[in-house]
Amino acid sequence: MTQTFKELDHTAMEGGGFYNKNSALQASGISLLMPLWAKVCQSVGCSGAPLAVVDYASSQGRNSMQPIKFAIETLRQRIEPNTAIEVFHTDLPSNDFAALFHALQDDENSYMAGASNVFPAAIGRNYFQPLFAPGRVHLGWNTFSMQWLSRNPVETPDHVLSGLSQVSEVAEAVKAQQAEDWKRFLEVRAVEMRAGAKLLTAFTGKVDGISGWEWLCGELWEALEDMGRAGQFSIDELRRLTIPIGFRTEEEIKAPFVLAGHFARLGLECVEFHKIPDPFWSDYQISLDQDLLAQRHADLTRAWAAPTLMAQIDPTRDKAALMEDLFKRFARRLAANPKRHEPWMVVAILSKSL
């Protein structure tokens, strides 16, 4: 690999607990993963102590509580009751780790509630670098992060999301970067996972050329273009406002494993695609409140998109005011054209050979 992966072209989710409060879509997707996660926890190797459970790309922790609690409870049934379990939450240095630790202490669903011999910790580094000593990790959980590219390989002139560009040069650059990132992620995880370890990873996917993000992110791009037409962003600035996210296909996920049946001593146990239910749609069908539906989706989008967009704006400008205007315009556009948002999620189960 020629890239050092020291820096990423995006930042962590919106801080101040905002992402925790506005990640209902991610929670909706995680609920679909629990049957698979149960099988992983029941079959993962448990030799060696203490056991290390890793929450890769934890963000502010809200959506990690249920799966980590389930993992602890399941492992407790398979090992000596007093065996120590370490839980590591990893994310970018810019992540709001304070919100994570407050959630661990105060959230009624915290896996620490009533727990004994469970030791949480956090690591602030990007996961394209090694995070643990070789053979340290028993069990890994990773959701809604691998759609982010490690870097933005090309500016995108026709969309805010690089993975939704219709420009062939952009599409090829995104595809190549995704392939490189996927292999790098697998390589570094393979080293730090011990024999018999397993990892569940889930992220946005694409089926028959459709990701499910076309409506929502299309309206976000239109809102940015509205600001361009109003003179708030130049054409060059709009090109730079690129969120480096892509959508992998089943073929792309399986590609590293095709020739040998494994990759870097990792096996690919399964790949499944699921449509994530819109967490706000049932309320909307009852209330028919288009503004409320729009604001919920705008806040959800702002939680993951705004920090990266702000980082790409000239520091001499009033970034906060520009983001406020953008997401107000975005919410108005969503309210004028309400739709059900049901994007594709893909889940892969990886195992380290004995």
Protein backbone atom coordinates (compact mmCIF):
# COMPACT_ATOMS: atom_id res chain seq x y z
CA MET A 1 0.00 0.00 0.00
CA THR A 2 1.42 3.36 -1.00
CA GLN A 3 -0.85 5.51 1.18
CA THR A 4 0.04 6.03 4.85
CA PHE A 5 -3.58 6.66 5.96
CA LYS A 6 -2.44 9.25 8.50
CA GLU A 7 -5.15 11.73 7.58
CA LEU A 8 -8.74 11.36 6.38
CA ASP A 9 -10.67 13.73 4.14
CA HIS A 10 -13.62 13.79 6.50
CA THR A 11 -14.19 14.35 10.18
CA ALA A 12 -16.23 12.76 12.94
CA MET A 13 -19.98 13.14 13.37
CA GLU A 14 -21.64 16.30 14.72
CA GLY A 15 -20.58 16.73 18.35
CA GLY A 16 -22.34 17.85 21.50
CA GLY A 17 -24.38 14.64 21.52
CA PHE A 18 -26.16 15.77 18.32
CA TYR A 19 -25.35 12.56 16.48
CA ASN A 20 -26.61 10.47 19.41
CA LYS A 21 -29.92 12.32 19.23
CA ASN A 22 -30.19 12.10 15.44
CA SER A 23 -29.12 8.62 14.43
CA ALA A 24 -32.50 6.87 14.33
CA LEU A 25 -31.86 5.54 10.82
CA GLN A 26 -28.65 3.88 11.95
CA ALA A 27 -30.50 2.39 14.94
CA SER A 28 -33.15 1.08 12.57
CA GLY A 29 -30.48 -0.66 10.52
CA ILE A 30 -28.77 -2.08 13.61
CA SER A 31 -32.00 -3.75 14.70
CA LEU A 32 -31.89 -5.75 11.44
CA LEU A 33 -28.36 -6.93 12.26
CA MET A 34 -29.10 -8.46 15.66
CA PRO A 35 -29.98 -12.00 14.46
CA LEU A 36 -26.66 -12.21 12.60
CA TRP A 37 -24.82 -10.64 15.53
CA ALA A 38 -26.29 -13.30 17.82
CA LYS A 39 -24.80 -16.05 15.64
CA VAL A 40 -21.43 -14.29 15.63
CA CYS A 41 -21.37 -13.94 19.43
CA GLN A 42 -22.39 -17.55 19.89
CA SER A 43 -19.70 -18.95 17.61
CA VAL A 44 -16.68 -16.65 18.10
CA GLY A 45 -13.58 -18.11 19.73
CA CYS A 46 -13.30 -17.32 23.45
CA SER A 47 -9.82 -18.51 24.35
CA GLY A 48 -7.50 -16.20 26.25
CA ALA A 49 -8.30 -13.57 28.83
CA PRO A 50 -9.23 -10.83 29.12
CA LEU A 51 -11.61 -10.93 26.16
CA ALA A 52 -11.36 -7.89 23.88
CA VAL A 53 -14.54 -6.65 22.22
CA VAL A 54 -14.02 -3.74 19.81
CA ASP A 55 -16.58 -1.21 18.62
CA TYR A 56 -14.90 0.16 15.50
CA ALA A 57 -16.08 3.69 14.56
CA SER A 58 -18.24 4.03 17.66
CA SER A 59 -19.18 7.69 17.21
CA GLN A 60 -20.95 8.86 20.39
CA GLY A 61 -21.99 5.40 21.50
CA ARG A 62 -25.78 5.40 21.57
CA ASN A 63 -26.17 2.79 18.85
CA SER A 64 -23.42 0.62 20.31
CA MET A 65 -25.10 -0.05 23.64
CA GLN A 66 -27.50 -2.80 22.58
CA PRO A 67 -25.08 -4.87 20.46
CA ILE A 68 -22.22 -4.59 22.98
CA LYS A 69 -24.51 -5.47 25.87
CA PHE A 70 -25.77 -8.48 23.94
CA ALA A 71 -22.19 -9.55 23.18
CA ILE A 72 -21.19 -9.31 26.85
CA GLU A 73 -24.23 -11.29 27.99
CA THR A 74 -23.70 -13.97 25.34
CA LEU A 75 -19.99 -14.32 26.05
CA ARG A 76 -20.71 -14.56 29.78
CA GLN A 77 -22.74 -17.70 29.07
CA ARG A 78 -19.78 -19.30 27.32
CA ILE A 79 -16.84 -18.41 29.58
CA GLU A 80 -15.98 -18.38 33.26
CA PRO A 81 -18.40 -15.92 34.90
CA ASN A 82 -15.66 -13.69 36.33
CA THR A 83 -13.56 -13.46 33.16
CA ALA A 84 -12.69 -9.84 32.47
CA ILE A 85 -14.09 -8.31 29.29
CA GLU A 86 -12.51 -5.18 27.80
CA VAL A 87 -14.61 -3.05 25.45
CA PHE A 88 -12.73 -0.67 23.18
CA HIS A 89 -14.52 2.11 21.31
CA THR A 90 -12.49 3.49 18.41
CA ASP A 91 -13.09 6.54 16.26
CA LEU A 92 -11.35 9.55 14.79
CA PRO A 93 -9.50 11.95 17.12
CA SER A 94 -12.20 14.56 16.37
CA ASN A 95 -14.94 12.28 17.70
CA ASP A 96 -17.05 13.49 20.65
CA PHE A 97 -15.72 10.94 23.12
CA ALA A 98 -17.16 12.97 26.01
CA ALA A 99 -20.67 12.16 24.77
CA LEU A 100 -19.65 8.50 24.53
CA PHE A 101 -18.47 8.34 28.14
CA HIS A 102 -21.54 10.23 29.36
CA ALA A 103 -23.70 7.67 27.55
CA LEU A 104 -21.78 4.82 29.18
CA GLN A 105 -22.39 6.37 32.58
CA ASP A 106 -25.89 7.81 32.25
CA ASP A 107 -27.78 6.10 29.42
CA GLU A 108 -30.41 3.72 30.77
CA ASN A 109 -29.42 1.26 28.03
CA SER A 110 -25.70 1.42 28.79
CA TYR A 111 -23.99 -1.95 28.78
CA MET A 112 -22.22 -0.86 31.95
CA ALA A 113 -25.46 -0.82 33.94
CA GLY A 114 -25.15 -3.64 36.45
CA ALA A 115 -22.02 -4.97 34.75
CA SER A 116 -19.05 -6.41 36.59
CA ASN A 117 -15.53 -7.05 35.31
CA VAL A 118 -16.30 -5.02 32.17
CA PHE A 119 -13.73 -2.36 31.35
CA PRO A 120 -14.52 0.27 28.66
CA ALA A 121 -11.87 2.36 26.94
CA ALA A 122 -11.53 4.53 23.84
CA ILE A 123 -8.95 4.93 21.07
CA GLY A 124 -8.82 8.07 18.93
CA ARG A 125 -7.21 6.91 15.68
CA ASN A 126 -8.57 6.09 12.24
CA TYR A 127 -9.00 2.39 11.62
CA PHE A 128 -6.96 2.26 8.44
CA GLN A 129 -4.03 2.11 10.85
CA PRO A 130 -3.34 -0.74 13.29
CA LEU A 131 -5.15 -0.10 16.57
CA PHE A 132 -4.15 -3.13 18.63
CA ALA A 133 -1.24 -5.47 19.15
CA PRO A 134 -1.29 -8.55 16.90
CA GLY A 135 -3.81 -11.18 17.97
CA ARG A 136 -5.45 -8.94 20.60
CA VAL A 137 -9.07 -8.76 19.35
CA HIS A 138 -11.66 -11.48 19.97
CA LEU A 139 -14.81 -9.86 18.64
CA GLY A 140 -15.45 -6.81 16.45
CA TRP A 141 -18.52 -4.68 15.68
CA ASN A 142 -18.47 -2.00 12.96
CA THR A 143 -21.48 -0.20 11.51
CA PHE A 144 -22.11 2.74 9.20
CA SER A 145 -18.53 3.83 8.67
CA MET A 146 -17.02 1.81 5.81
CA GLN A 147 -18.99 3.82 3.25
CA TRP A 148 -16.65 6.73 4.05
CA LEU A 149 -13.59 6.77 1.82
CA SER A 150 -10.23 7.17 3.52
CA ARG A 151 -9.61 10.16 1.28
CA ASN A 152 -11.41 12.13 -1.38
CA PRO A 153 -9.72 10.99 -4.62
CA VAL A 154 -11.41 13.55 -6.88
CA GLU A 155 -13.55 16.68 -6.69
CA THR A 156 -17.16 16.10 -7.70
CA PRO A 157 -18.73 18.72 -9.96
CA ASP A 158 -22.28 17.34 -10.12
CA HIS A 159 -23.14 16.15 -6.62
CA VAL A 160 -22.35 16.62 -2.94
CA LEU A 161 -21.84 12.87 -2.49
CA SER A 162 -19.00 11.46 -4.58
CA GLY A 163 -20.65 8.05 -4.80
CA LEU A 164 -23.72 9.55 -6.50
CA SER A 165 -21.84 11.41 -9.23
CA GLN A 166 -22.76 10.66 -12.83
CA VAL A 167 -19.32 11.74 -14.07
CA SER A 168 -17.45 8.62 -15.22
CA GLU A 169 -14.07 9.91 -13.99
CA VAL A 170 -15.50 10.43 -10.51
CA ALA A 171 -17.25 7.07 -10.45
CA GLU A 172 -14.05 5.23 -11.41
CA ALA A 173 -11.99 7.13 -8.82
CA VAL A 174 -14.51 6.29 -6.09
CA LYS A 175 -14.59 2.65 -7.09
CA ALA A 176 -10.79 2.39 -7.06
CA GLN A 177 -10.53 4.12 -3.67
CA GLN A 178 -13.20 1.88 -2.19
CA ALA A 179 -11.35 -1.23 -3.36
CA GLU A 180 -8.08 0.02 -1.85
CA ASP A 181 -9.78 0.99 1.42
CA TRP A 182 -11.57 -2.35 1.74
CA LYS A 183 -8.35 -4.30 1.33
CA ARG A 184 -6.52 -2.04 3.78
CA PHE A 185 -9.29 -2.39 6.36
CA LEU A 186 -9.18 -6.18 6.02
CA GLU A 187 -5.39 -6.31 6.26
CA VAL A 188 -5.10 -4.32 9.48
CA ARG A 189 -8.06 -6.09 11.10
CA ALA A 190 -6.58 -9.49 10.20
CA VAL A 191 -3.37 -8.69 12.08
CA GLU A 192 -5.04 -7.54 15.28
CA MET A 193 -7.71 -10.29 15.34
CA ARG A 194 -6.70 -13.48 17.12
CA ALA A 195 -7.32 -16.95 15.66
CA GLY A 196 -11.03 -17.72 15.89
CA ALA A 197 -12.00 -14.04 16.13
CA LYS A 198 -14.96 -12.63 14.21
CA LEU A 199 -15.99 -9.21 12.98
CA LEU A 200 -19.36 -7.92 11.80
CA THR A 201 -19.19 -4.90 9.51
CA ALA A 202 -22.22 -3.16 7.98
CA PHE A 203 -22.36 -0.12 5.73
CA THR A 204 -24.31 1.46 2.89
CA GLY A 205 -24.54 -0.67 -0.22
CA LYS A 206 -25.89 -0.63 -3.74
CA VAL A 207 -28.25 -3.06 -5.48
CA ASP A 208 -28.90 -2.85 -9.24
CA GLY A 209 -27.21 0.55 -9.30
CA ILE A 210 -29.47 2.00 -6.56
CA SER A 211 -28.28 3.01 -3.09
CA GLY A 212 -31.50 4.48 -1.72
CA TRP A 213 -29.76 7.79 -0.93
CA GLU A 214 -30.64 9.37 -4.28
CA TRP A 215 -33.61 11.42 -3.05
CA LEU A 216 -32.19 12.65 0.26
CA CYS A 217 -28.69 13.53 -0.93
CA GLY A 218 -30.02 14.79 -4.24
CA GLU A 219 -32.05 17.39 -2.36
CA LEU A 220 -28.98 18.30 -0.28
CA TRP A 221 -27.06 18.95 -3.50
CA GLU A 222 -29.93 21.03 -4.87
CA ALA A 223 -29.89 23.11 -1.69
CA LEU A 224 -26.17 23.73 -2.16
CA GLU A 225 -26.75 24.72 -5.77
CA ASP A 226 -29.48 27.11 -4.60
CA MET A 227 -26.86 28.74 -2.38
CA GLY A 228 -24.50 28.90 -5.35
CA ARG A 229 -27.11 30.67 -7.43
CA ALA A 230 -27.63 33.09 -4.53
CA GLY A 231 -23.91 33.91 -4.60
CA GLN A 232 -23.05 32.20 -1.31
CA PHE A 233 -20.77 29.62 -2.94
CA SER A 234 -18.70 29.92 -6.09
CA ILE A 235 -18.51 27.13 -8.68
CA ASP A 236 -15.06 26.20 -7.38
CA GLU A 237 -16.35 26.06 -3.80
CA LEU A 238 -19.23 23.81 -4.83
CA ARG A 239 -16.76 21.42 -6.48
CA ARG A 240 -14.78 21.24 -3.25
CA LEU A 241 -17.87 20.55 -1.15
CA THR A 242 -17.65 16.80 -1.65
CA ILE A 243 -18.59 14.19 0.92
CA PRO A 244 -16.36 11.16 0.21
CA ILE A 245 -18.93 8.37 0.51
CA GLY A 246 -19.47 5.46 -1.85
CA PHE A 247 -21.69 2.41 -2.10
CA ARG A 248 -20.24 -1.08 -2.55
CA THR A 249 -21.85 -3.86 -4.51
CA GLU A 250 -21.80 -7.52 -3.49
CA GLU A 251 -19.22 -8.22 -6.19
CA GLU A 252 -16.91 -5.49 -4.85
CA ILE A 253 -17.16 -6.81 -1.29
CA LYS A 254 -16.33 -10.35 -2.36
CA ALA A 255 -13.54 -9.37 -4.77
CA PRO A 256 -10.52 -9.76 -2.40
CA PHE A 257 -11.68 -13.27 -1.46
CA VAL A 258 -12.36 -14.65 -4.94
CA LEU A 259 -8.97 -16.06 -5.96
CA ALA A 260 -7.99 -17.92 -2.79
CA GLY A 261 -11.28 -18.13 -0.92
CA HIS A 262 -9.77 -16.00 1.84
CA PHE A 263 -7.83 -12.76 2.20
CA ALA A 264 -5.09 -12.02 4.75
CA ARG A 265 -6.20 -15.09 6.73
CA LEU A 266 -9.75 -13.76 6.87
CA GLY A 267 -12.71 -15.69 5.60
CA LEU A 268 -15.92 -14.07 4.39
CA GLU A 269 -18.70 -16.04 6.08
CA CYS A 270 -21.64 -14.18 4.55
CA VAL A 271 -22.75 -11.06 2.73
CA GLU A 272 -26.35 -9.89 3.03
CA PHE A 273 -28.21 -6.81 1.81
CA HIS A 274 -31.12 -5.26 3.73
CA LYS A 275 -33.31 -2.23 3.15
CA ILE A 276 -33.31 -0.03 6.24
CA PRO A 277 -36.85 1.02 7.22
CA ASP A 278 -37.47 4.76 7.37
CA PRO A 279 -37.71 5.41 11.14
CA PHE A 280 -39.94 8.46 10.65
CA TRP A 281 -42.39 7.27 8.00
CA SER A 282 -44.97 5.59 10.22
CA ASP A 283 -45.35 8.78 12.29
CA TYR A 284 -45.69 10.79 9.09
CA GLN A 285 -48.47 8.54 7.80
CA ILE A 286 -50.45 9.36 10.94
CA SER A 287 -49.64 13.06 11.32
CA LEU A 288 -49.11 13.99 7.64
CA ASP A 289 -46.78 16.66 9.04
CA GLN A 290 -44.41 17.25 6.12
CA ASP A 291 -42.37 19.82 8.03
CA LEU A 292 -41.73 17.41 10.92
CA LEU A 293 -40.72 14.59 8.56
CA ALA A 294 -38.41 16.96 6.71
CA GLN A 295 -36.80 18.34 9.88
CA ARG A 296 -36.12 14.86 11.21
CA HIS A 297 -34.40 13.82 8.01
CA ALA A 298 -32.55 17.14 7.83
CA ASP A 299 -31.22 16.70 11.38
CA LEU A 300 -30.26 13.09 10.68
CA THR A 301 -28.34 14.18 7.58
CA ARG A 302 -26.76 17.15 9.34
CA ALA A 303 -25.43 14.84 12.08
CA TRP A 304 -23.16 12.98 9.65
CA ALA A 305 -22.69 15.46 6.79
CA ALA A 306 -22.22 18.91 8.31
CA PRO A 307 -18.79 18.46 9.96
CA THR A 308 -17.19 17.26 6.73
CA LEU A 309 -18.78 20.07 4.70
CA MET A 310 -17.70 22.68 7.25
CA ALA A 311 -14.12 21.41 7.13
CA GLN A 312 -14.03 22.14 3.38
CA ILE A 313 -15.16 25.77 3.65
CA ASP A 314 -12.62 28.60 3.81
CA PRO A 315 -11.90 29.28 7.51
CA THR A 316 -12.36 33.01 6.98
CA ARG A 317 -16.04 32.49 6.24
CA ASP A 318 -18.88 32.09 8.76
CA LYS A 319 -19.16 28.31 8.48
CA ALA A 320 -21.85 27.95 11.12
CA ALA A 321 -24.12 30.47 9.38
CA LEU A 322 -23.61 28.78 6.02
CA MET A 323 -24.50 25.37 7.48
CA GLU A 324 -27.55 26.82 9.19
CA ASP A 325 -28.77 28.26 5.90
CA LEU A 326 -27.97 25.06 3.99
CA PHE A 327 -29.95 22.78 6.27
CA LYS A 328 -32.90 25.17 6.43
CA ARG A 329 -33.02 25.15 2.63
CA PHE A 330 -32.59 21.38 2.67
CA ALA A 331 -35.49 20.90 5.10
CA ARG A 332 -37.75 23.12 2.97
CA ARG A 333 -36.95 21.07 -0.11
CA LEU A 334 -37.68 17.80 1.72
CA ALA A 335 -40.99 19.16 3.01
CA ALA A 336 -42.03 20.13 -0.51
CA ASN A 337 -41.31 16.64 -1.82
CA PRO A 338 -41.75 14.09 1.00
CA LYS A 339 -40.68 10.52 0.28
CA ARG A 340 -39.94 7.36 2.21
CA HIS A 341 -36.19 7.02 2.75
CA GLU A 342 -35.15 3.35 2.72
CA PRO A 343 -31.48 2.98 1.80
CA TRP A 344 -29.62 -0.28 1.25
CA MET A 345 -27.35 -1.66 3.95
CA VAL A 346 -24.91 -4.51 3.42
CA VAL A 347 -23.53 -6.66 6.23
CA ALA A 348 -20.45 -8.88 6.01
CA ILE A 349 -19.21 -11.39 8.59
CA LEU A 350 -15.44 -11.93 8.70
CA SER A 351 -13.62 -14.66 10.60
CA LYS A 352 -9.91 -15.21 11.34
CA SER A 353 -8.70 -18.71 10.53
CA LEU A 354 -7.26 -20.90 13.28
